[in-house]
Protein backbone atom coordinates (compact mmCIF):
# COMPACT_ATOMS: atom_id res chain seq x y z
CA MET A 1 -3.58 -14.53 62.90
CA LYS A 2 -5.39 -12.38 60.38
CA THR A 3 -9.33 -11.83 60.75
CA PHE A 4 -11.76 -13.36 57.72
CA PRO A 5 -12.41 -9.68 56.48
CA THR A 6 -8.97 -8.86 56.17
CA LEU A 7 -7.86 -12.09 54.09
CA VAL A 8 -11.09 -11.26 51.89
CA LEU A 9 -9.93 -7.59 51.01
CA ALA A 10 -5.97 -9.28 50.39
CA GLY A 11 -7.82 -11.89 47.89
CA VAL A 12 -9.81 -9.15 46.40
CA ALA A 13 -6.58 -6.96 45.77
CA ILE A 14 -5.01 -10.02 44.26
CA LEU A 15 -7.52 -10.92 42.20
CA GLY A 16 -7.91 -7.01 40.68
CA ALA A 17 -4.07 -7.03 39.95
CA LEU A 18 -4.78 -10.54 38.22
CA PHE A 19 -7.37 -8.81 36.18
CA THR A 20 -5.30 -5.59 35.61
CA ILE A 21 -2.19 -7.97 34.35
CA THR A 22 -4.71 -9.55 32.04
CA ASP A 23 -6.15 -6.52 30.93
CA ILE A 24 -2.65 -5.05 29.99
CA SER A 25 -1.23 -8.38 28.13
CA ALA A 26 -4.86 -8.30 26.02
CA GLN A 27 -4.29 -4.64 24.74
CA THR A 28 -0.91 -5.80 24.24
CA GLU A 29 -1.55 -8.37 22.00
CA LYS A 30 -4.53 -6.01 20.13
CA GLY A 31 -2.05 -3.41 20.26
CA ASP A 32 0.61 -5.67 18.16
CA LYS A 33 -2.11 -6.30 15.19
CA VAL A 34 -1.60 -2.43 14.86
CA ILE A 35 0.09 -0.80 12.08
CA LYS A 36 2.87 1.27 12.91
CA ASP A 37 6.59 1.59 11.53
CA GLY A 38 8.09 -1.39 10.87
CA SER A 39 4.96 -3.58 10.95
CA VAL A 40 4.62 -6.02 8.37
CA VAL A 41 1.21 -5.84 6.38
CA SER A 42 -0.54 -7.92 4.43
CA PHE A 43 -3.80 -6.78 2.79
CA GLU A 44 -6.06 -7.24 0.10
CA TYR A 45 -7.59 -4.16 -2.51
CA THR A 46 -9.25 -3.05 -5.15
CA LEU A 47 -7.58 -0.12 -6.86
CA SER A 48 -10.02 2.67 -8.90
CA ASP A 49 -9.38 5.79 -10.62
CA GLU A 50 -11.68 8.83 -10.11
CA LYS A 51 -14.27 7.76 -12.44
CA GLY A 52 -14.77 4.62 -10.49
CA GLU A 53 -13.02 2.20 -13.43
CA VAL A 54 -11.61 -1.09 -11.77
CA ILE A 55 -7.35 -0.85 -12.31
CA GLU A 56 -6.64 -3.74 -10.76
CA SER A 57 -7.88 -6.05 -7.55
CA ASN A 58 -6.26 -8.26 -5.54
CA LYS A 59 -8.99 -9.96 -3.81
CA GLY A 60 -9.16 -13.71 -3.62
CA LYS A 61 -5.39 -13.43 -4.66
CA LYS A 62 -1.98 -13.48 -2.70
CA PRO A 63 -2.35 -10.63 -0.49
CA MET A 64 0.14 -7.35 -0.97
CA THR A 65 2.93 -7.21 1.63
CA TYR A 66 5.19 -4.55 2.10
CA THR A 67 6.59 -3.22 5.62
CA HIS A 68 5.02 -0.08 7.12
CA GLY A 69 7.21 2.71 7.15
CA GLU A 70 10.03 1.67 4.32
CA SER A 71 8.48 3.36 1.40
CA GLN A 72 7.54 0.42 -0.01
CA ILE A 73 4.18 1.34 -1.29
CA ILE A 74 3.12 4.80 -2.81
CA PRO A 75 3.19 7.49 0.38
CA GLY A 76 -0.67 8.24 0.26
CA LEU A 77 -1.62 5.11 0.61
CA GLU A 78 0.87 4.02 3.72
CA LYS A 79 -0.13 7.46 5.60
CA GLU A 80 -3.95 6.09 5.46
CA LEU A 81 -2.56 2.45 6.52
CA SER A 82 -1.24 3.96 9.63
CA GLY A 83 -2.60 2.94 12.84
CA MET A 84 -5.09 0.73 11.38
CA SER A 85 -5.95 -2.99 12.98
CA GLU A 86 -5.71 -6.19 11.82
CA GLY A 87 -9.47 -6.50 9.98
CA ALA A 88 -10.35 -3.15 9.57
CA GLU A 89 -11.29 -2.07 6.17
CA LYS A 90 -11.40 1.18 4.62
CA ASN A 91 -11.80 3.15 1.28
CA ILE A 92 -8.68 5.57 0.89
CA ARG A 93 -8.68 8.19 -1.83
CA VAL A 94 -5.12 9.33 -2.85
CA LYS A 95 -4.15 12.53 -4.16
CA PRO A 96 -1.54 12.12 -7.63
CA GLU A 97 0.97 14.13 -5.67
CA ASP A 98 0.83 11.36 -2.66
CA ALA A 99 0.67 8.53 -5.79
CA TYR A 100 2.90 8.68 -8.51
CA GLY A 101 3.07 12.26 -8.93
CA PRO A 102 1.34 14.78 -11.79
CA VAL A 103 2.24 14.35 -15.48
CA ASN A 104 5.45 15.21 -16.29
CA PRO A 105 5.60 17.23 -19.33
CA GLN A 106 9.41 16.82 -19.74
CA ALA A 107 8.99 12.95 -19.61
CA PHE A 108 7.72 12.67 -23.09
CA GLN A 109 10.69 11.38 -25.69
CA GLU A 110 10.63 11.23 -29.56
CA VAL A 111 11.96 8.20 -31.01
CA PRO A 112 12.43 7.53 -34.58
CA ARG A 113 9.52 5.14 -35.41
CA GLU A 114 12.26 2.50 -37.19
CA LYS A 115 13.24 2.05 -33.43
CA LEU A 116 9.63 0.41 -32.54
CA PRO A 117 8.36 -3.02 -33.98
CA ALA A 118 5.31 -2.03 -36.84
CA GLU A 119 2.77 -3.59 -34.24
CA ALA A 120 3.71 -0.96 -31.24
CA GLN A 121 3.38 2.47 -33.55
CA LYS A 122 -0.31 2.86 -32.37
CA VAL A 123 -1.37 5.14 -29.71
CA GLY A 124 -1.80 3.63 -26.19
CA ALA A 125 0.61 1.07 -27.40
CA ALA A 126 1.96 -0.28 -23.85
CA LEU A 127 5.77 -1.59 -24.50
CA MET A 128 8.84 -2.09 -21.58
CA ALA A 129 11.43 0.14 -21.66
CA ARG A 130 14.98 -0.28 -19.64
CA SER A 131 16.52 2.83 -17.61
CA PRO A 132 19.94 3.17 -17.79
CA GLN A 133 20.84 0.50 -14.91
CA GLY A 134 18.62 -2.03 -16.30
CA GLN A 135 15.64 -1.75 -14.56
CA PRO A 136 12.36 -2.22 -16.30
CA PHE A 137 9.74 -0.04 -16.63
CA PRO A 138 6.38 0.84 -18.43
CA VAL A 139 5.85 3.50 -21.68
CA ARG A 140 3.07 3.72 -23.69
CA VAL A 141 2.80 5.56 -27.06
CA HIS A 142 1.67 8.81 -26.81
CA GLU A 143 1.25 9.74 -30.23
CA VAL A 144 2.57 8.29 -33.76
CA LYS A 145 3.96 11.37 -36.25
CA GLU A 146 5.22 10.30 -39.71
CA LYS A 147 8.61 9.89 -39.06
CA THR A 148 8.52 9.61 -35.05
CA VAL A 149 6.78 8.27 -32.06
CA VAL A 150 6.11 10.43 -28.74
CA LEU A 151 6.55 7.94 -25.95
CA ASP A 152 4.95 8.79 -22.58
CA LEU A 153 7.52 7.81 -19.97
CA ASN A 154 5.42 8.97 -16.80
CA HIS A 155 3.97 6.26 -14.52
CA PRO A 156 0.51 4.82 -16.11
CA LEU A 157 -0.71 6.52 -13.10
CA ALA A 158 0.93 9.50 -12.88
CA GLY A 159 -1.64 12.40 -12.78
CA LYS A 160 -4.61 10.07 -11.26
CA THR A 161 -6.61 10.56 -8.08
CA LEU A 162 -6.17 6.71 -6.99
CA THR A 163 -9.13 4.85 -4.35
CA PHE A 164 -8.21 1.73 -2.65
CA ASP A 165 -11.01 -0.14 -0.51
CA VAL A 166 -8.31 -2.22 1.74
CA LYS A 167 -8.80 -4.73 3.95
CA ILE A 168 -5.92 -5.44 6.85
CA LEU A 169 -5.36 -9.32 6.47
CA ASN A 170 -2.43 -9.40 9.25
CA VAL A 171 -0.19 -7.47 11.05
CA GLN A 172 3.27 -8.38 12.73
CA GLN A 173 5.92 -6.84 14.27
CA ALA A 174 8.85 -6.85 12.41
CA GLU A 175 10.76 -9.44 14.76
CA ALA A 176 7.55 -11.66 14.73
CA ALA A 177 7.72 -12.01 10.93
CA LYS A 178 10.89 -13.67 10.86
């Protein structure tokens, strides 16, 4: 028969093991809420340009959702979101080379004026064009000449440093999100 002190020590050892298991499970649960490759992430954001002017925001609207590590958002933003936890907020500045790239001077195309509706023949007018594969993409009127119009085929945010104010709303691992 064991003596009282031995039973107490055995009980403490068992309780210690239980606390360790509880601590590990709490860490695992918290670890599952950290953004890593394969995480399905929902977040809200406000996007501003280098002058601080708001370009767009989804605050109070449907959150942006993507799978981390699958290049579904711009690389600079994805890199900065990595390791963030659910509920975290961050101000992220993304340079053009990590966003939509620099302005490509070869992405300007001159077309005859008669190819465009009269109301679209104004500098700054935004139009939708289609790629050879049929994908729509935005173009802007850069310059209007006597017989032609110069279209800018660059992404509207090309060449811009972008600032994202983000709040992580939900993080799920891919298998849990299905």
